[in-house]
Amino acid sequence: LSDFFVFFKPKDVLSGDFYWMEEVTTSGKNPQRF
């Protein structure tokens, strides 16, 4: 992504909130990137 932001200000040093991002490519004849 060229244009994004993350605002993450946990209350404690350890947090119950998190964000996650990964890329996957499907298998098969016409693979697609997600």
PDB file of all heavy atoms in Angstrom:
ATOM      1  N   LEU A   1       0.837  -1.199   0.000  1.00  0.00           N
ATOM      2  CA  LEU A   1       0.000   0.000   0.000  1.00  0.00           C
ATOM      3  C   LEU A   1       0.872   1.249   0.000  1.00  0.00           C
ATOM      4  O   LEU A   1       1.824   1.338   0.766  1.00  0.00           O
ATOM      5  CB  LEU A   1      -0.904   0.024   1.240  1.00  0.00           C
ATOM      6  CG  LEU A   1      -1.859  -1.145   1.427  1.00  0.00           C
ATOM      7  CD1 LEU A   1      -2.555  -1.038   2.777  1.00  0.00           C
ATOM      8  CD2 LEU A   1      -2.889  -1.194   0.308  1.00  0.00           C
ATOM      9  N   SER A   2       0.506   2.205  -0.841  1.00  0.00           N
ATOM     10  CA  SER A   2       1.272   3.454  -0.877  1.00  0.00           C
ATOM     11  C   SER A   2       0.683   4.497   0.065  1.00  0.00           C
ATOM     12  O   SER A   2       1.383   5.407   0.503  1.00  0.00           O
ATOM     13  CB  SER A   2       1.294   4.014  -2.303  1.00  0.00           C
ATOM     14  OG  SER A   2      -0.033   4.265  -2.751  1.00  0.00           O
ATOM     15  N   ASP A   3      -0.592   4.373   0.396  1.00  0.00           N
ATOM     16  CA  ASP A   3      -1.260   5.383   1.223  1.00  0.00           C
ATOM     17  C   ASP A   3      -2.009   4.675   2.349  1.00  0.00           C
ATOM     18  O   ASP A   3      -3.052   4.062   2.116  1.00  0.00           O
ATOM     19  CB  ASP A   3      -2.226   6.200   0.359  1.00  0.00           C
ATOM     20  CG  ASP A   3      -2.785   7.406   1.091  1.00  0.00           C
ATOM     21  OD1 ASP A   3      -2.342   7.676   2.231  1.00  0.00           O
ATOM     22  OD2 ASP A   3      -3.675   8.080   0.536  1.00  0.00           O
ATOM     23  N   PHE A   4      -1.472   4.736   3.557  1.00  0.00           N
ATOM     24  CA  PHE A   4      -2.095   4.056   4.690  1.00  0.00           C
ATOM     25  C   PHE A   4      -1.638   4.729   5.975  1.00  0.00           C
ATOM     26  O   PHE A   4      -0.676   5.499   5.987  1.00  0.00           O
ATOM     27  CB  PHE A   4      -1.713   2.567   4.721  1.00  0.00           C
ATOM     28  CG  PHE A   4      -0.294   2.329   5.162  1.00  0.00           C
ATOM     29  CD1 PHE A   4       0.005   2.053   6.493  1.00  0.00           C
ATOM     30  CD2 PHE A   4       0.754   2.401   4.254  1.00  0.00           C
ATOM     31  CE1 PHE A   4       1.310   1.855   6.907  1.00  0.00           C
ATOM     32  CE2 PHE A   4       2.061   2.207   4.661  1.00  0.00           C
ATOM     33  CZ  PHE A   4       2.341   1.937   5.995  1.00  0.00           C
ATOM     34  N   PHE A   5      -2.351   4.454   7.059  1.00  0.00           N
ATOM     35  CA  PHE A   5      -1.848   4.839   8.373  1.00  0.00           C
ATOM     36  C   PHE A   5      -2.326   3.830   9.400  1.00  0.00           C
ATOM     37  O   PHE A   5      -3.330   3.144   9.213  1.00  0.00           O
ATOM     38  CB  PHE A   5      -2.289   6.264   8.764  1.00  0.00           C
ATOM     39  CG  PHE A   5      -3.737   6.387   9.161  1.00  0.00           C
ATOM     40  CD1 PHE A   5      -4.128   6.227  10.486  1.00  0.00           C
ATOM     41  CD2 PHE A   5      -4.702   6.678   8.212  1.00  0.00           C
ATOM     42  CE1 PHE A   5      -5.454   6.348  10.859  1.00  0.00           C
ATOM     43  CE2 PHE A   5      -6.036   6.803   8.568  1.00  0.00           C
ATOM     44  CZ  PHE A   5      -6.418   6.640   9.894  1.00  0.00           C
ATOM     45  N   VAL A   6      -1.558   3.711  10.475  1.00  0.00           N
ATOM     46  CA  VAL A   6      -1.917   2.873  11.616  1.00  0.00           C
ATOM     47  C   VAL A   6      -1.841   3.761  12.852  1.00  0.00           C
ATOM     48  O   VAL A   6      -0.807   4.385  13.105  1.00  0.00           O
ATOM     49  CB  VAL A   6      -0.952   1.677  11.772  1.00  0.00           C
ATOM     50  CG1 VAL A   6      -1.274   0.890  13.039  1.00  0.00           C
ATOM     51  CG2 VAL A   6      -0.996   0.780  10.550  1.00  0.00           C
ATOM     52  N   PHE A   7      -2.944   3.826  13.588  1.00  0.00           N
ATOM     53  CA  PHE A   7      -2.971   4.567  14.851  1.00  0.00           C
ATOM     54  C   PHE A   7      -3.101   3.528  15.955  1.00  0.00           C
ATOM     55  O   PHE A   7      -4.149   2.912  16.115  1.00  0.00           O
ATOM     56  CB  PHE A   7      -4.158   5.534  14.871  1.00  0.00           C
ATOM     57  CG  PHE A   7      -4.227   6.370  16.119  1.00  0.00           C
ATOM     58  CD1 PHE A   7      -3.353   7.423  16.320  1.00  0.00           C
ATOM     59  CD2 PHE A   7      -5.170   6.105  17.096  1.00  0.00           C
ATOM     60  CE1 PHE A   7      -3.413   8.192  17.481  1.00  0.00           C
ATOM     61  CE2 PHE A   7      -5.246   6.857  18.259  1.00  0.00           C
ATOM     62  CZ  PHE A   7      -4.371   7.911  18.447  1.00  0.00           C
ATOM     63  N   PHE A   8      -2.012   3.310  16.687  1.00  0.00           N
ATOM     64  CA  PHE A   8      -1.968   2.232  17.691  1.00  0.00           C
ATOM     65  C   PHE A   8      -1.378   2.789  18.979  1.00  0.00           C
ATOM     66  O   PHE A   8      -0.175   3.032  19.064  1.00  0.00           O
ATOM     67  CB  PHE A   8      -1.117   1.073  17.143  1.00  0.00           C
ATOM     68  CG  PHE A   8      -1.086  -0.127  18.048  1.00  0.00           C
ATOM     69  CD1 PHE A   8      -2.241  -0.804  18.400  1.00  0.00           C
ATOM     70  CD2 PHE A   8       0.124  -0.600  18.546  1.00  0.00           C
ATOM     71  CE1 PHE A   8      -2.202  -1.919  19.231  1.00  0.00           C
ATOM     72  CE2 PHE A   8       0.170  -1.716  19.376  1.00  0.00           C
ATOM     73  CZ  PHE A   8      -0.998  -2.370  19.718  1.00  0.00           C
ATOM     74  N   LYS A   9      -2.224   3.034  19.964  1.00  0.00           N
ATOM     75  CA  LYS A   9      -1.795   3.603  21.245  1.00  0.00           C
ATOM     76  C   LYS A   9      -2.311   2.699  22.368  1.00  0.00           C
ATOM     77  O   LYS A   9      -3.343   2.986  22.972  1.00  0.00           O
ATOM     78  CB  LYS A   9      -2.353   5.014  21.425  1.00  0.00           C
ATOM     79  CG  LYS A   9      -1.979   5.975  20.320  1.00  0.00           C
ATOM     80  CD  LYS A   9      -0.598   6.516  20.440  1.00  0.00           C
ATOM     81  CE  LYS A   9      -0.592   7.802  21.195  1.00  0.00           C
ATOM     82  NZ  LYS A   9       0.764   8.352  21.271  1.00  0.00           N
ATOM     83  N   PRO A  10      -1.637   1.573  22.633  1.00  0.00           N
ATOM     84  CA  PRO A  10      -2.139   0.644  23.653  1.00  0.00           C
ATOM     85  C   PRO A  10      -2.139   1.265  25.046  1.00  0.00           C
ATOM     86  O   PRO A  10      -1.262   2.058  25.388  1.00  0.00           O
ATOM     87  CB  PRO A  10      -1.174  -0.537  23.573  1.00  0.00           C
ATOM     88  CG  PRO A  10       0.040  -0.015  22.908  1.00  0.00           C
ATOM     89  CD  PRO A  10      -0.396   1.107  22.017  1.00  0.00           C
ATOM     90  N   LYS A  11      -3.149   0.877  25.829  1.00  0.00           N
ATOM     91  CA  LYS A  11      -3.264   1.379  27.204  1.00  0.00           C
ATOM     92  C   LYS A  11      -2.114   0.876  28.066  1.00  0.00           C
ATOM     93  O   LYS A  11      -1.588   1.591  28.909  1.00  0.00           O
ATOM     94  CB  LYS A  11      -4.615   0.899  27.769  1.00  0.00           C
ATOM     95  CG  LYS A  11      -4.857   1.308  29.214  1.00  0.00           C
ATOM     96  CD  LYS A  11      -6.166   0.717  29.711  1.00  0.00           C
ATOM     97  CE  LYS A  11      -6.273   0.972  31.195  1.00  0.00           C
ATOM     98  NZ  LYS A  11      -6.832  -0.101  31.929  1.00  0.00           N
ATOM     99  N   ASP A  12      -1.726  -0.394  27.869  1.00  0.00           N
ATOM    100  CA  ASP A  12      -0.645  -1.013  28.626  1.00  0.00           C
ATOM    101  C   ASP A  12       0.503  -1.344  27.682  1.00  0.00           C
ATOM    102  O   ASP A  12       0.370  -1.237  26.463  1.00  0.00           O
ATOM    103  CB  ASP A  12      -1.138  -2.291  29.315  1.00  0.00           C
ATOM    104  CG  ASP A  12      -2.316  -2.027  30.242  1.00  0.00           C
ATOM    105  OD1 ASP A  12      -2.162  -1.189  31.147  1.00  0.00           O
ATOM    106  OD2 ASP A  12      -3.381  -2.633  30.043  1.00  0.00           O
ATOM    107  N   VAL A  13       1.630  -1.775  28.237  1.00  0.00           N
ATOM    108  CA  VAL A  13       2.765  -2.185  27.407  1.00  0.00           C
ATOM    109  C   VAL A  13       2.348  -3.347  26.509  1.00  0.00           C
ATOM    110  O   VAL A  13       2.677  -3.400  25.321  1.00  0.00           O
ATOM    111  CB  VAL A  13       3.972  -2.592  28.294  1.00  0.00           C
ATOM    112  CG1 VAL A  13       5.106  -3.130  27.433  1.00  0.00           C
ATOM    113  CG2 VAL A  13       4.450  -1.393  29.104  1.00  0.00           C
ATOM    114  N   LEU A  14       1.598  -4.282  27.077  1.00  0.00           N
ATOM    115  CA  LEU A  14       1.030  -5.382  26.306  1.00  0.00           C
ATOM    116  C   LEU A  14      -0.413  -5.019  25.971  1.00  0.00           C
ATOM    117  O   LEU A  14      -1.101  -4.377  26.750  1.00  0.00           O
ATOM    118  CB  LEU A  14       1.065  -6.676  27.116  1.00  0.00           C
ATOM    119  CG  LEU A  14       2.454  -7.184  27.481  1.00  0.00           C
ATOM    120  CD1 LEU A  14       2.354  -8.354  28.445  1.00  0.00           C
ATOM    121  CD2 LEU A  14       3.223  -7.589  26.242  1.00  0.00           C
ATOM    122  N   SER A  15      -0.864  -5.456  24.804  1.00  0.00           N
ATOM    123  CA  SER A  15      -2.186  -5.039  24.342  1.00  0.00           C
ATOM    124  C   SER A  15      -3.023  -6.223  23.877  1.00  0.00           C
ATOM    125  O   SER A  15      -2.499  -7.200  23.355  1.00  0.00           O
ATOM    126  CB  SER A  15      -2.025  -4.048  23.189  1.00  0.00           C
ATOM    127  OG  SER A  15      -3.278  -3.719  22.647  1.00  0.00           O
ATOM    128  N   GLY A  16      -4.331  -6.089  24.027  1.00  0.00           N
ATOM    129  CA  GLY A  16      -5.260  -7.071  23.486  1.00  0.00           C
ATOM    130  C   GLY A  16      -5.642  -6.762  22.051  1.00  0.00           C
ATOM    131  O   GLY A  16      -6.297  -7.558  21.389  1.00  0.00           O
ATOM    132  N   ASP A  17      -5.253  -5.585  21.547  1.00  0.00           N
ATOM    133  CA  ASP A  17      -5.532  -5.209  20.164  1.00  0.00           C
ATOM    134  C   ASP A  17      -4.310  -5.513  19.301  1.00  0.00           C
ATOM    135  O   ASP A  17      -3.174  -5.404  19.758  1.00  0.00           O
ATOM    136  CB  ASP A  17      -5.832  -3.710  20.049  1.00  0.00           C
ATOM    137  CG  ASP A  17      -7.162  -3.317  20.680  1.00  0.00           C
ATOM    138  OD1 ASP A  17      -7.778  -4.170  21.337  1.00  0.00           O
ATOM    139  OD2 ASP A  17      -7.574  -2.159  20.510  1.00  0.00           O
ATOM    140  N   PHE A  18      -4.554  -5.881  18.040  1.00  0.00           N
ATOM    141  CA  PHE A  18      -3.439  -6.024  17.108  1.00  0.00           C
ATOM    142  C   PHE A  18      -3.953  -5.848  15.685  1.00  0.00           C
ATOM    143  O   PHE A  18      -5.158  -5.917  15.429  1.00  0.00           O
ATOM    144  CB  PHE A  18      -2.721  -7.371  17.270  1.00  0.00           C
ATOM    145  CG  PHE A  18      -3.519  -8.582  16.832  1.00  0.00           C
ATOM    146  CD1 PHE A  18      -3.424  -9.072  15.536  1.00  0.00           C
ATOM    147  CD2 PHE A  18      -4.347  -9.248  17.729  1.00  0.00           C
ATOM    148  CE1 PHE A  18      -4.148 -10.195  15.142  1.00  0.00           C
ATOM    149  CE2 PHE A  18      -5.071 -10.367  17.344  1.00  0.00           C
ATOM    150  CZ  PHE A  18      -4.976 -10.841  16.054  1.00  0.00           C
ATOM    151  N   TYR A  19      -3.017  -5.581  14.775  1.00  0.00           N
ATOM    152  CA  TYR A  19      -3.356  -5.545  13.352  1.00  0.00           C
ATOM    153  C   TYR A  19      -2.435  -6.511  12.626  1.00  0.00           C
ATOM    154  O   TYR A  19      -1.332  -6.799  13.091  1.00  0.00           O
ATOM    155  CB  TYR A  19      -3.257  -4.121  12.782  1.00  0.00           C
ATOM    156  CG  TYR A  19      -1.935  -3.434  12.999  1.00  0.00           C
ATOM    157  CD1 TYR A  19      -0.953  -3.451  12.001  1.00  0.00           C
ATOM    158  CD2 TYR A  19      -1.650  -2.781  14.192  1.00  0.00           C
ATOM    159  CE1 TYR A  19       0.272  -2.829  12.193  1.00  0.00           C
ATOM    160  CE2 TYR A  19      -0.427  -2.149  14.390  1.00  0.00           C
ATOM    161  CZ  TYR A  19       0.518  -2.180  13.387  1.00  0.00           C
ATOM    162  OH  TYR A  19       1.731  -1.566  13.587  1.00  0.00           O
ATOM    163  N   TRP A  20      -2.908  -7.017  11.492  1.00  0.00           N
ATOM    164  CA  TRP A  20      -2.213  -8.114  10.797  1.00  0.00           C
ATOM    165  C   TRP A  20      -2.425  -7.945   9.304  1.00  0.00           C
ATOM    166  O   TRP A  20      -3.531  -7.575   8.877  1.00  0.00           O
ATOM    167  CB  TRP A  20      -2.793  -9.430  11.308  1.00  0.00           C
ATOM    168  CG  TRP A  20      -2.343 -10.684  10.633  1.00  0.00           C
ATOM    169  CD1 TRP A  20      -1.230 -11.425  10.937  1.00  0.00           C
ATOM    170  CD2 TRP A  20      -3.003 -11.382   9.569  1.00  0.00           C
ATOM    171  NE1 TRP A  20      -1.183 -12.539  10.129  1.00  0.00           N
ATOM    172  CE2 TRP A  20      -2.246 -12.532   9.283  1.00  0.00           C
ATOM    173  CE3 TRP A  20      -4.166 -11.148   8.841  1.00  0.00           C
ATOM    174  CZ2 TRP A  20      -2.613 -13.438   8.291  1.00  0.00           C
ATOM    175  CZ3 TRP A  20      -4.533 -12.045   7.848  1.00  0.00           C
ATOM    176  CH2 TRP A  20      -3.754 -13.179   7.587  1.00  0.00           C
ATOM    177  N   MET A  21      -1.394  -8.189   8.524  1.00  0.00           N
ATOM    178  CA  MET A  21      -1.515  -8.067   7.070  1.00  0.00           C
ATOM    179  C   MET A  21      -0.565  -9.042   6.401  1.00  0.00           C
ATOM    180  O   MET A  21       0.603  -9.149   6.792  1.00  0.00           O
ATOM    181  CB  MET A  21      -1.185  -6.626   6.658  1.00  0.00           C
ATOM    182  CG  MET A  21      -1.434  -6.319   5.201  1.00  0.00           C
ATOM    183  SD  MET A  21      -1.162  -4.571   4.823  1.00  0.00           S
ATOM    184  CE  MET A  21      -2.621  -3.836   5.524  1.00  0.00           C
ATOM    185  N   GLU A  22      -1.078  -9.761   5.388  1.00  0.00           N
ATOM    186  CA  GLU A  22      -0.238 -10.682   4.629  1.00  0.00           C
ATOM    187  C   GLU A  22      -0.786 -10.810   3.219  1.00  0.00           C
ATOM    188  O   GLU A  22      -1.957 -10.537   2.965  1.00  0.00           O
ATOM    189  CB  GLU A  22      -0.196 -12.069   5.297  1.00  0.00           C
ATOM    190  CG  GLU A  22       0.617 -12.096   6.572  1.00  0.00           C
ATOM    191  CD  GLU A  22       1.020 -13.499   6.998  1.00  0.00           C
ATOM    192  OE1 GLU A  22       1.063 -14.413   6.159  1.00  0.00           O
ATOM    193  OE2 GLU A  22       1.311 -13.663   8.183  1.00  0.00           O
ATOM    194  N   GLU A  23       0.083 -11.242   2.312  1.00  0.00           N
ATOM    195  CA  GLU A  23      -0.316 -11.500   0.929  1.00  0.00           C
ATOM    196  C   GLU A  23      -0.438 -13.002   0.713  1.00  0.00           C
ATOM    197  O   GLU A  23       0.365 -13.778   1.236  1.00  0.00           O
ATOM    198  CB  GLU A  23       0.741 -10.927  -0.030  1.00  0.00           C
ATOM    199  CG  GLU A  23       0.416 -11.154  -1.486  1.00  0.00           C
ATOM    200  CD  GLU A  23       1.508 -10.627  -2.410  1.00  0.00           C
ATOM    201  OE1 GLU A  23       2.261  -9.721  -1.994  1.00  0.00           O
ATOM    202  OE2 GLU A  23       1.602 -11.134  -3.546  1.00  0.00           O
ATOM    203  N   VAL A  24      -1.452 -13.414  -0.058  1.00  0.00           N
ATOM    204  CA  VAL A  24      -1.601 -14.819  -0.439  1.00  0.00           C
ATOM    205  C   VAL A  24      -1.859 -14.895  -1.940  1.00  0.00           C
ATOM    206  O   VAL A  24      -2.423 -13.979  -2.527  1.00  0.00           O
ATOM    207  CB  VAL A  24      -2.753 -15.535   0.322  1.00  0.00           C
ATOM    208  CG1 VAL A  24      -2.466 -15.628   1.790  1.00  0.00           C
ATOM    209  CG2 VAL A  24      -4.083 -14.880   0.066  1.00  0.00           C
ATOM    210  N   THR A  25      -1.432 -16.001  -2.523  1.00  0.00           N
ATOM    211  CA  THR A  25      -1.714 -16.279  -3.930  1.00  0.00           C
ATOM    212  C   THR A  25      -2.442 -17.611  -3.994  1.00  0.00           C
ATOM    213  O   THR A  25      -1.992 -18.602  -3.412  1.00  0.00           O
ATOM    214  CB  THR A  25      -0.416 -16.347  -4.760  1.00  0.00           C
ATOM    215  OG1 THR A  25       0.285 -15.111  -4.619  1.00  0.00           O
ATOM    216  CG2 THR A  25      -0.721 -16.585  -6.229  1.00  0.00           C
ATOM    217  N   THR A  26      -3.592 -17.614  -4.694  1.00  0.00           N
ATOM    218  CA  THR A  26      -4.386 -18.837  -4.779  1.00  0.00           C
ATOM    219  C   THR A  26      -3.691 -19.840  -5.688  1.00  0.00           C
ATOM    220  O   THR A  26      -2.887 -19.475  -6.551  1.00  0.00           O
ATOM    221  CB  THR A  26      -5.798 -18.544  -5.320  1.00  0.00           C
ATOM    222  OG1 THR A  26      -5.690 -17.966  -6.633  1.00  0.00           O
ATOM    223  CG2 THR A  26      -6.548 -17.595  -4.402  1.00  0.00           C
ATOM    224  N   SER A  27      -4.024 -21.109  -5.487  1.00  0.00           N
ATOM    225  CA  SER A  27      -3.483 -22.164  -6.347  1.00  0.00           C
ATOM    226  C   SER A  27      -4.441 -22.392  -7.516  1.00  0.00           C
ATOM    227  O   SER A  27      -5.520 -21.829  -7.571  1.00  0.00           O
ATOM    228  CB  SER A  27      -3.279 -23.442  -5.539  1.00  0.00           C
ATOM    229  OG  SER A  27      -4.499 -23.830  -4.938  1.00  0.00           O
ATOM    230  N   GLY A  28      -4.032 -23.221  -8.449  1.00  0.00           N
ATOM    231  CA  GLY A  28      -4.896 -23.535  -9.592  1.00  0.00           C
ATOM    232  C   GLY A  28      -4.382 -22.913 -10.884  1.00  0.00           C
ATOM    233  O   GLY A  28      -3.291 -22.339 -10.939  1.00  0.00           O
ATOM    234  N   LYS A  29      -5.214 -23.033 -11.951  1.00  0.00           N
ATOM    235  CA  LYS A  29      -4.803 -22.565 -13.283  1.00  0.00           C
ATOM    236  C   LYS A  29      -4.677 -21.057 -13.367  1.00  0.00           C
ATOM    237  O   LYS A  29      -3.824 -20.539 -14.074  1.00  0.00           O
ATOM    238  CB  LYS A  29      -5.810 -23.050 -14.332  1.00  0.00           C
ATOM    239  CG  LYS A  29      -5.772 -24.538 -14.581  1.00  0.00           C
ATOM    240  CD  LYS A  29      -6.743 -24.928 -15.670  1.00  0.00           C
ATOM    241  CE  LYS A  29      -6.699 -26.427 -15.926  1.00  0.00           C
ATOM    242  NZ  LYS A  29      -7.681 -26.834 -16.950  1.00  0.00           N
ATOM    243  N   ASN A  30      -5.554 -20.337 -12.688  1.00  0.00           N
ATOM    244  CA  ASN A  30      -5.543 -18.879 -12.733  1.00  0.00           C
ATOM    245  C   ASN A  30      -5.264 -18.311 -11.336  1.00  0.00           C
ATOM    246  O   ASN A  30      -6.184 -17.865 -10.651  1.00  0.00           O
ATOM    247  CB  ASN A  30      -6.882 -18.341 -13.257  1.00  0.00           C
ATOM    248  CG  ASN A  30      -7.173 -18.817 -14.662  1.00  0.00           C
ATOM    249  OD1 ASN A  30      -6.335 -18.679 -15.538  1.00  0.00           O
ATOM    250  ND2 ASN A  30      -8.349 -19.398 -14.863  1.00  0.00           N
ATOM    251  N   PRO A  31      -4.014 -18.349 -10.898  1.00  0.00           N
ATOM    252  CA  PRO A  31      -3.709 -17.860  -9.545  1.00  0.00           C
ATOM    253  C   PRO A  31      -4.026 -16.376  -9.406  1.00  0.00           C
ATOM    254  O   PRO A  31      -3.820 -15.595 -10.341  1.00  0.00           O
ATOM    255  CB  PRO A  31      -2.213 -18.136  -9.387  1.00  0.00           C
ATOM    256  CG  PRO A  31      -1.689 -18.277 -10.771  1.00  0.00           C
ATOM    257  CD  PRO A  31      -2.814 -18.784 -11.612  1.00  0.00           C
ATOM    258  N   GLN A  32      -4.558 -16.008  -8.254  1.00  0.00           N
ATOM    259  CA  GLN A  32      -4.891 -14.614  -7.978  1.00  0.00           C
ATOM    260  C   GLN A  32      -4.207 -14.181  -6.692  1.00  0.00           C
ATOM    261  O   GLN A  32      -4.096 -14.958  -5.745  1.00  0.00           O
ATOM    262  CB  GLN A  32      -6.410 -14.444  -7.848  1.00  0.00           C
ATOM    263  CG  GLN A  32      -7.163 -14.727  -9.137  1.00  0.00           C
ATOM    264  CD  GLN A  32      -8.658 -14.534  -8.972  1.00  0.00           C
ATOM    265  OE1 GLN A  32      -9.264 -15.072  -8.051  1.00  0.00           O
ATOM    266  NE2 GLN A  32      -9.249 -13.752  -9.851  1.00  0.00           N
ATOM    267  N   ARG A  33      -3.753 -12.906  -6.683  1.00  0.00           N
ATOM    268  CA  ARG A  33      -3.079 -12.356  -5.508  1.00  0.00           C
ATOM    269  C   ARG A  33      -4.083 -11.575  -4.666  1.00  0.00           C
ATOM    270  O   ARG A  33      -4.837 -10.747  -5.178  1.00  0.00           O
ATOM    271  CB  ARG A  33      -1.940 -11.423  -5.930  1.00  0.00           C
ATOM    272  CG  ARG A  33      -0.773 -12.121  -6.556  1.00  0.00           C
ATOM    273  CD  ARG A  33       0.218 -11.125  -7.134  1.00  0.00           C
ATOM    274  NE  ARG A  33       0.752 -10.236  -6.113  1.00  0.00           N
ATOM    275  CZ  ARG A  33       0.809  -8.907  -6.245  1.00  0.00           C
ATOM    276  NH1 ARG A  33       0.357  -8.308  -7.321  1.00  0.00           N
ATOM    277  NH2 ARG A  33       1.328  -8.162  -5.275  1.00  0.00           N
ATOM    278  N   PHE A  34      -4.059 -11.842  -3.372  1.00  0.00           N
ATOM    279  CA  PHE A  34      -4.937 -11.157  -2.428  1.00  0.00           C
ATOM    280  C   PHE A  34      -4.110 -10.537  -1.315  1.00  0.00           C
ATOM    281  O   PHE A  34      -3.131 -11.129  -0.845  1.00  0.00           O
ATOM    282  CB  PHE A  34      -5.938 -12.128  -1.793  1.00  0.00           C
ATOM    283  CG  PHE A  34      -7.053 -12.560  -2.714  1.00  0.00           C
ATOM    284  CD1 PHE A  34      -6.887 -13.645  -3.550  1.00  0.00           C
ATOM    285  CD2 PHE A  34      -8.264 -11.874  -2.725  1.00  0.00           C
ATOM    286  CE1 PHE A  34      -7.916 -14.049  -4.392  1.00  0.00           C
ATOM    287  CE2 PHE A  34      -9.289 -12.267  -3.550  1.00  0.00           C
ATOM    288  CZ  PHE A  34      -9.122 -13.358  -4.397  1.00  0.00           C
TER     289      PHE A  34
END
